[in-house]
Amino acid sequence: MNLLGTERPTPYHRLAALRPEWSARLRPLLTVVAALIAYVVLASVLLVLMILVLALAPGVNVAIGVTSGDPTSPLDAVLALLMGSLWLPAGIVGVRVGGWRPLGPAWSVAARFRRDLLSPLGAWVAAGALATVAIAAVAGHLASSGESAGAPGGGVSVLQLLLVVVIVLVLAPLQAVGLELALRGMILQAVGTWLRSPVVPFVVVAGVSLIGRQLTPAVVIPALALAFAAAVLAWKSGGLELSIILTLTLTVGSLIVSALAAGTGAGAGASALSAAVAAPGTSAAALADHGAAAGYDELASAGAFAGLGDAALAGGAASAVAALLLTGLIVVLISRRDGLRLLEPVGRAADAPAPGPVLI
């Protein structure tokens, strides 16, 4: 309670504690375990179906592996984004079955998706995310000292690049919503059930985001920064709306730039950002293979593209700084709009009734 004796609003990361049955001692663990089991089952089914389809497709040799890490490959793009999209049903299962609570509080303190929040602040987040992608590409270009694998796009056909763009535009929204529901919604609230301070939940979310991701500085630095930025946005704004916009814009922008500029320093810089924002454990959560994109696998293995490694590191570091600065700006805007202190989040009113219990 505060000095006036009234309870403070409930912050986003504490919404799972609104009802005693949602905050039972093992309930947070059951939430996460149920989501993981659902994801593993769904991913296994998807991989089996994909292998069967490829085995039946004429002229495809599945023995070489399902993906090659090529940013210009439609197959790589569709499989990585489909795998990431599975976090949406997995997160729903985790909240509803494991957490035994409705989805509403997982979206926001208003127990719904607040579309009215997107108009004033969503545009700022989207514009800042696009600027972050541009900064990563420019930093990669400057760090590459002009080294490249050839023409942007690696010499692939325009039709192939257009197909990659379409796949990204169709599937990236599903992945963005799924990742935010699972990482910033489910896990942030699961840890918040035990702890009132948001600091430890932020750290846990950042740590979880590294699981199944390429552990190189070019990927780890922006991955930690982006996970922290999305968690802060969810906590400060009281919901997932802005973090979804951030993840979606970064995913679409970085994947498209990485494909269109494959084999160049700009493409390498963008690929570090795309690997950082990708779903953990997918092929997209590693730096793109620009040698494969250019069709120069032998040269790549001989170190011909070593300069692009520096470009990826520069792009990753620059995008991390840009994402954190963007987050700070949005925090200030939210504080001014709602008349809050800088470290005070948008919360659920203390006198608002808790959402009703659910029957599974």
Protein backbone atom coordinates (compact mmCIF):
# COMPACT_ATOMS: atom_id res chain seq x y z
CA MET A 1 0.00 0.00 0.00
CA ASN A 2 1.06 3.61 -0.51
CA LEU A 3 0.98 6.45 2.04
CA LEU A 4 -2.73 7.11 1.43
CA GLY A 5 -3.60 3.53 2.25
CA THR A 6 -4.80 2.63 -1.23
CA GLU A 7 -3.35 -0.20 -3.24
CA ARG A 8 -1.17 0.53 -6.23
CA PRO A 9 -2.24 -0.60 -9.73
CA THR A 10 -1.10 -4.10 -10.65
CA PRO A 11 1.77 -4.02 -13.18
CA TYR A 12 1.73 -6.28 -16.22
CA HIS A 13 4.26 -8.81 -14.93
CA ARG A 14 2.13 -9.39 -11.80
CA LEU A 15 -1.22 -10.12 -13.51
CA ALA A 16 -0.92 -13.87 -12.93
CA ALA A 17 -1.23 -13.13 -9.21
CA LEU A 18 -4.72 -11.63 -9.52
CA ARG A 19 -6.35 -14.91 -8.44
CA PRO A 20 -4.91 -17.38 -5.88
CA GLU A 21 -5.41 -20.39 -8.15
CA TRP A 22 -3.31 -18.74 -10.88
CA SER A 23 -0.41 -18.04 -8.53
CA ALA A 24 -0.14 -21.41 -6.79
CA ARG A 25 3.43 -22.42 -6.05
CA LEU A 26 3.91 -24.71 -9.06
CA ARG A 27 1.54 -22.95 -11.44
CA PRO A 28 4.26 -20.86 -13.18
CA LEU A 29 6.35 -24.00 -13.82
CA LEU A 30 3.32 -25.86 -15.15
CA THR A 31 2.65 -22.94 -17.49
CA VAL A 32 6.13 -23.06 -19.01
CA VAL A 33 6.26 -26.88 -19.15
CA ALA A 34 2.89 -27.11 -20.90
CA ALA A 35 4.04 -24.57 -23.51
CA LEU A 36 7.32 -26.42 -24.10
CA ILE A 37 5.58 -29.76 -24.52
CA ALA A 38 3.09 -28.25 -26.95
CA TYR A 39 5.89 -26.65 -28.95
CA VAL A 40 7.96 -29.82 -29.17
CA VAL A 41 4.96 -31.83 -30.36
CA LEU A 42 3.93 -29.22 -32.94
CA ALA A 43 7.51 -28.74 -34.17
CA SER A 44 7.98 -32.49 -34.55
CA VAL A 45 4.82 -32.76 -36.63
CA LEU A 46 5.87 -29.82 -38.79
CA LEU A 47 9.35 -31.23 -39.44
CA VAL A 48 8.00 -34.66 -40.34
CA LEU A 49 5.49 -33.13 -42.75
CA MET A 50 8.18 -30.92 -44.28
CA ILE A 51 10.52 -33.85 -44.83
CA LEU A 52 7.73 -35.90 -46.39
CA VAL A 53 6.85 -33.06 -48.75
CA LEU A 54 10.48 -32.58 -49.75
CA ALA A 55 10.95 -36.31 -50.24
CA LEU A 56 8.03 -36.38 -52.66
CA ALA A 57 9.09 -33.21 -54.49
CA PRO A 58 10.96 -33.94 -57.72
CA GLY A 59 14.62 -33.00 -57.83
CA VAL A 60 15.01 -32.33 -54.10
CA ASN A 61 17.68 -34.19 -52.13
CA VAL A 62 16.63 -34.14 -48.48
CA ALA A 63 19.82 -35.92 -47.47
CA ILE A 64 21.70 -32.59 -47.60
CA GLY A 65 19.47 -31.16 -44.87
CA VAL A 66 16.28 -29.19 -44.81
CA THR A 67 17.89 -25.73 -44.67
CA SER A 68 21.17 -24.21 -45.79
CA GLY A 69 21.18 -20.92 -43.91
CA ASP A 70 20.71 -19.02 -47.17
CA PRO A 71 18.82 -15.71 -46.58
CA THR A 72 17.58 -15.81 -50.19
CA SER A 73 16.10 -19.31 -49.90
CA PRO A 74 12.28 -19.45 -49.75
CA LEU A 75 12.53 -22.90 -48.14
CA ASP A 76 14.74 -21.57 -45.36
CA ALA A 77 12.43 -18.61 -44.80
CA VAL A 78 9.19 -20.59 -44.70
CA LEU A 79 10.54 -23.30 -42.37
CA ALA A 80 12.15 -20.87 -39.92
CA LEU A 81 9.07 -18.65 -39.74
CA LEU A 82 6.68 -21.60 -39.46
CA MET A 83 8.76 -22.98 -36.59
CA GLY A 84 8.66 -19.57 -34.91
CA SER A 85 4.91 -19.25 -35.49
CA LEU A 86 4.35 -22.42 -33.47
CA TRP A 87 5.04 -20.41 -30.33
CA LEU A 88 1.59 -18.85 -30.73
CA PRO A 89 -0.41 -22.07 -30.15
CA ALA A 90 2.23 -23.24 -27.67
CA GLY A 91 1.88 -20.03 -25.66
CA ILE A 92 -1.90 -20.34 -25.69
CA VAL A 93 -1.64 -23.90 -24.37
CA GLY A 94 0.80 -22.76 -21.69
CA VAL A 95 -1.45 -19.97 -20.42
CA ARG A 96 -4.79 -21.80 -20.71
CA VAL A 97 -3.81 -25.35 -19.73
CA GLY A 98 -0.64 -24.93 -17.66
CA GLY A 99 -1.56 -21.59 -16.10
CA TRP A 100 -5.29 -22.40 -15.95
CA ARG A 101 -6.21 -18.78 -16.67
CA PRO A 102 -7.76 -16.77 -19.53
CA LEU A 103 -5.67 -15.26 -22.31
CA GLY A 104 -6.90 -11.71 -21.66
CA PRO A 105 -4.41 -10.78 -18.91
CA ALA A 106 -1.59 -12.23 -21.02
CA TRP A 107 -2.29 -9.56 -23.64
CA SER A 108 -2.52 -6.51 -21.39
CA VAL A 109 -3.60 -5.03 -18.07
CA ALA A 110 -6.96 -4.33 -19.75
CA ALA A 111 -7.38 -8.10 -20.35
CA ARG A 112 -7.59 -7.46 -24.10
CA PHE A 113 -5.52 -6.35 -27.07
CA ARG A 114 -5.60 -2.52 -26.89
CA ARG A 115 -5.79 -1.32 -30.49
CA ASP A 116 -6.12 2.26 -29.30
CA LEU A 117 -2.52 2.08 -28.05
CA LEU A 118 -1.17 1.43 -31.56
CA SER A 119 -2.14 4.77 -33.10
CA PRO A 120 -0.10 7.18 -30.97
CA LEU A 121 2.77 4.93 -29.91
CA GLY A 122 2.81 2.04 -32.39
CA ALA A 123 3.90 4.36 -35.20
CA TRP A 124 6.84 5.57 -33.11
CA VAL A 125 7.90 2.00 -32.37
CA ALA A 126 7.58 0.92 -36.01
CA ALA A 127 9.52 3.94 -37.27
CA GLY A 128 12.24 3.40 -34.68
CA ALA A 129 12.47 -0.30 -35.55
CA LEU A 130 12.87 0.51 -39.25
CA ALA A 131 15.59 3.00 -38.34
CA THR A 132 17.27 0.24 -36.30
CA VAL A 133 17.31 -2.05 -39.34
CA ALA A 134 18.79 0.75 -41.45
CA ILE A 135 21.44 1.44 -38.82
CA ALA A 136 22.42 -2.24 -38.74
CA ALA A 137 22.76 -2.32 -42.53
CA VAL A 138 24.77 0.90 -42.70
CA ALA A 139 27.07 -0.22 -39.87
CA GLY A 140 27.64 -3.53 -41.65
CA HIS A 141 28.41 -1.75 -44.91
CA LEU A 142 30.91 0.59 -43.27
CA ALA A 143 32.61 -2.25 -41.37
CA SER A 144 32.96 -4.46 -44.45
CA SER A 145 35.37 -2.02 -46.13
CA GLY A 146 33.66 -2.66 -49.44
CA GLU A 147 34.13 -6.46 -49.34
CA SER A 148 31.25 -8.46 -50.75
CA ALA A 149 30.32 -11.67 -52.46
CA GLY A 150 29.24 -9.80 -55.54
CA ALA A 151 26.05 -8.03 -56.47
CA PRO A 152 23.36 -7.49 -53.81
CA GLY A 153 21.00 -10.44 -53.68
CA GLY A 154 23.79 -12.86 -54.56
CA GLY A 155 22.72 -12.97 -58.18
CA VAL A 156 19.53 -14.93 -57.43
CA SER A 157 16.42 -14.42 -59.53
CA VAL A 158 14.00 -11.59 -58.86
CA LEU A 159 11.18 -14.12 -58.58
CA GLN A 160 13.01 -15.97 -55.80
CA LEU A 161 13.58 -12.76 -53.86
CA LEU A 162 9.95 -11.73 -54.30
CA LEU A 163 8.86 -15.12 -52.97
CA VAL A 164 11.03 -14.63 -49.88
CA VAL A 165 9.50 -11.19 -49.31
CA VAL A 166 5.95 -12.57 -49.61
CA ILE A 167 6.73 -15.41 -47.18
CA VAL A 168 8.16 -12.94 -44.68
CA LEU A 169 5.17 -10.61 -44.92
CA VAL A 170 2.69 -13.47 -44.44
CA LEU A 171 4.37 -15.46 -41.66
CA ALA A 172 6.32 -12.85 -39.69
CA PRO A 173 3.19 -11.47 -37.93
CA LEU A 174 2.32 -14.94 -36.62
CA GLN A 175 5.86 -15.44 -35.33
CA ALA A 176 5.98 -11.99 -33.72
CA VAL A 177 2.71 -12.53 -31.84
CA GLY A 178 3.78 -16.02 -30.79
CA LEU A 179 7.20 -14.93 -29.54
CA GLU A 180 5.81 -12.04 -27.53
CA LEU A 181 3.04 -14.16 -26.00
CA ALA A 182 5.52 -16.88 -25.02
CA LEU A 183 8.61 -14.87 -24.02
CA ARG A 184 7.26 -11.54 -22.82
CA GLY A 185 3.77 -12.67 -21.85
CA MET A 186 3.98 -16.16 -20.43
CA ILE A 187 7.50 -16.14 -18.97
CA LEU A 188 7.45 -12.53 -17.72
CA GLN A 189 4.22 -13.19 -15.86
CA ALA A 190 5.34 -16.62 -14.66
CA VAL A 191 8.42 -15.18 -12.94
CA GLY A 192 6.40 -12.15 -11.84
CA THR A 193 4.12 -14.47 -9.89
CA TRP A 194 6.97 -15.00 -7.43
CA LEU A 195 8.69 -11.59 -7.54
CA ARG A 196 7.24 -8.09 -7.27
CA SER A 197 10.25 -6.37 -8.80
CA PRO A 198 10.43 -6.56 -12.62
CA VAL A 199 14.24 -6.66 -12.70
CA VAL A 200 14.67 -10.41 -12.28
CA PRO A 201 11.88 -11.21 -14.78
CA PHE A 202 13.69 -8.97 -17.29
CA VAL A 203 16.92 -10.89 -16.73
CA VAL A 204 15.18 -14.26 -17.04
CA VAL A 205 13.47 -13.26 -20.29
CA ALA A 206 16.80 -12.08 -21.71
CA GLY A 207 18.51 -15.30 -20.68
CA VAL A 208 15.77 -17.51 -22.12
CA SER A 209 16.03 -15.68 -25.44
CA LEU A 210 19.58 -17.05 -25.86
CA ILE A 211 18.50 -20.69 -25.68
CA GLY A 212 18.83 -22.31 -29.10
CA ARG A 213 20.51 -19.25 -30.60
CA GLN A 214 23.97 -18.90 -32.16
CA LEU A 215 26.21 -17.82 -29.28
CA THR A 216 28.50 -15.40 -31.07
CA PRO A 217 28.96 -11.73 -30.14
CA ALA A 218 27.31 -10.59 -33.38
CA VAL A 219 24.08 -12.37 -32.37
CA VAL A 220 24.22 -12.40 -28.55
CA ILE A 221 24.67 -8.63 -28.15
CA PRO A 222 21.58 -7.61 -30.14
CA ALA A 223 19.57 -10.61 -28.89
CA LEU A 224 20.03 -9.56 -25.26
CA ALA A 225 19.30 -5.92 -26.08
CA LEU A 226 16.14 -6.74 -28.03
CA ALA A 227 14.83 -9.16 -25.41
CA PHE A 228 15.37 -6.55 -22.71
CA ALA A 229 13.80 -3.82 -24.86
CA ALA A 230 10.67 -5.90 -25.59
CA ALA A 231 10.30 -6.85 -21.92
CA VAL A 232 10.61 -3.22 -20.79
CA LEU A 233 8.03 -2.12 -23.38
CA ALA A 234 5.59 -4.82 -22.23
CA TRP A 235 6.05 -3.87 -18.57
CA LYS A 236 5.98 -0.10 -19.06
CA SER A 237 3.02 -0.04 -21.47
CA GLY A 238 1.11 -2.72 -19.56
CA GLY A 239 0.78 -5.15 -22.46
CA LEU A 240 2.26 -6.84 -25.51
CA GLU A 241 1.03 -4.45 -28.20
CA LEU A 242 4.18 -2.35 -28.55
CA SER A 243 6.59 -5.26 -28.15
CA ILE A 244 4.73 -7.11 -30.93
CA ILE A 245 5.12 -4.08 -33.21
CA LEU A 246 8.83 -3.90 -32.35
CA THR A 247 9.48 -7.60 -33.00
CA LEU A 248 7.37 -7.67 -36.16
CA THR A 249 8.99 -4.62 -37.75
CA LEU A 250 12.51 -5.77 -36.91
CA THR A 251 11.80 -9.26 -38.25
CA VAL A 252 10.30 -8.09 -41.54
CA GLY A 253 12.87 -5.36 -42.12
CA SER A 254 15.98 -7.37 -41.26
CA LEU A 255 14.94 -10.49 -43.19
CA ILE A 256 14.11 -8.53 -46.32
CA VAL A 257 17.33 -6.47 -46.21
CA SER A 258 19.37 -9.60 -45.48
CA ALA A 259 17.87 -11.29 -48.55
CA LEU A 260 18.03 -8.34 -50.94
CA ALA A 261 21.58 -7.39 -49.89
CA ALA A 262 22.90 -10.96 -49.45
CA GLY A 263 26.65 -11.20 -49.92
CA THR A 264 27.32 -7.58 -48.95
CA GLY A 265 28.30 -5.87 -45.74
CA ALA A 266 24.85 -4.34 -45.44
CA GLY A 267 23.28 -7.79 -45.73
CA ALA A 268 25.63 -9.18 -43.09
CA GLY A 269 24.77 -6.35 -40.71
CA ALA A 270 21.07 -6.95 -41.19
CA SER A 271 21.49 -10.72 -40.80
CA ALA A 272 22.92 -10.22 -37.30
CA LEU A 273 19.76 -8.35 -36.37
CA SER A 274 17.49 -10.95 -37.99
CA ALA A 275 19.28 -13.73 -36.10
CA ALA A 276 18.85 -11.80 -32.85
CA VAL A 277 15.10 -11.28 -33.30
CA ALA A 278 14.36 -14.75 -34.75
CA ALA A 279 12.64 -17.51 -32.81
CA PRO A 280 15.18 -19.39 -30.64
CA GLY A 281 16.16 -22.77 -31.99
CA THR A 282 15.23 -22.07 -35.61
CA SER A 283 17.65 -21.89 -38.53
CA ALA A 284 17.10 -18.11 -38.64
CA ALA A 285 18.58 -17.76 -35.12
CA ALA A 286 22.08 -18.00 -36.63
CA LEU A 287 23.99 -15.69 -38.92
CA ALA A 288 22.96 -16.09 -42.55
CA ASP A 289 25.33 -18.00 -44.83
CA HIS A 290 26.29 -15.34 -47.38
CA GLY A 291 28.55 -17.77 -49.16
CA ALA A 292 25.56 -20.01 -49.85
CA ALA A 293 23.53 -16.99 -50.90
CA ALA A 294 26.14 -16.05 -53.49
CA GLY A 295 26.67 -19.63 -54.60
CA TYR A 296 30.27 -19.55 -53.43
CA ASP A 297 30.35 -22.24 -50.76
CA GLU A 298 33.96 -23.19 -51.51
CA LEU A 299 35.14 -19.59 -51.24
CA ALA A 300 33.16 -19.11 -48.06
CA SER A 301 34.77 -22.16 -46.46
CA ALA A 302 38.17 -20.79 -47.49
CA GLY A 303 37.51 -17.56 -45.60
CA ALA A 304 36.77 -15.35 -48.57
CA PHE A 305 33.95 -13.68 -46.64
CA ALA A 306 35.84 -13.10 -43.41
CA GLY A 307 35.23 -9.36 -43.75
CA LEU A 308 31.49 -9.96 -43.55
CA GLY A 309 31.96 -11.35 -40.03
CA ASP A 310 33.16 -7.91 -38.94
CA ALA A 311 30.17 -6.42 -40.73
CA ALA A 312 27.78 -8.71 -38.84
CA LEU A 313 29.35 -7.75 -35.50
CA ALA A 314 29.12 -4.06 -36.34
CA GLY A 315 25.50 -4.41 -37.44
CA GLY A 316 24.58 -6.37 -34.34
CA ALA A 317 26.25 -3.93 -31.94
CA ALA A 318 24.81 -0.87 -33.68
CA SER A 319 21.29 -2.32 -33.72
CA ALA A 320 21.56 -3.16 -30.01
CA VAL A 321 22.38 0.46 -29.15
CA ALA A 322 19.62 1.74 -31.43
CA ALA A 323 17.02 -0.61 -29.90
CA LEU A 324 17.90 0.48 -26.36
CA LEU A 325 17.72 4.17 -27.31
CA LEU A 326 14.34 3.56 -28.96
CA THR A 327 13.10 1.84 -25.82
CA GLY A 328 14.19 4.76 -23.68
CA LEU A 329 12.32 7.16 -25.96
CA ILE A 330 9.12 5.10 -25.81
CA VAL A 331 9.34 4.87 -22.02
CA VAL A 332 9.52 8.68 -21.85
CA LEU A 333 6.57 9.06 -24.24
CA ILE A 334 4.43 6.64 -22.22
CA SER A 335 5.33 8.42 -18.98
CA ARG A 336 4.33 11.80 -20.40
CA ARG A 337 1.14 10.51 -22.00
CA ASP A 338 -0.15 8.79 -18.85
CA GLY A 339 1.34 11.14 -16.27
CA LEU A 340 3.59 8.45 -14.78
CA ARG A 341 7.02 8.56 -13.22
CA LEU A 342 9.79 7.27 -15.46
CA LEU A 343 10.02 3.94 -13.64
CA GLU A 344 6.28 3.59 -13.04
CA PRO A 345 4.38 1.25 -15.41
CA VAL A 346 0.86 1.39 -16.75
CA GLY A 347 -1.06 -0.92 -14.41
CA ARG A 348 -4.42 -2.52 -13.82
CA ALA A 349 -6.51 -0.43 -11.44
CA ALA A 350 -6.51 -1.86 -7.94
CA ASP A 351 -10.31 -1.66 -7.71
CA ALA A 352 -10.85 -3.43 -11.05
CA PRO A 353 -12.38 -6.89 -10.57
CA ALA A 354 -10.13 -9.85 -11.32
CA PRO A 355 -11.02 -11.81 -14.46
CA GLY A 356 -13.24 -14.77 -13.73
CA PRO A 357 -11.91 -18.32 -13.34
CA VAL A 358 -11.71 -20.59 -16.37
CA LEU A 359 -12.77 -24.19 -16.80
CA ILE A 360 -10.49 -26.43 -18.85
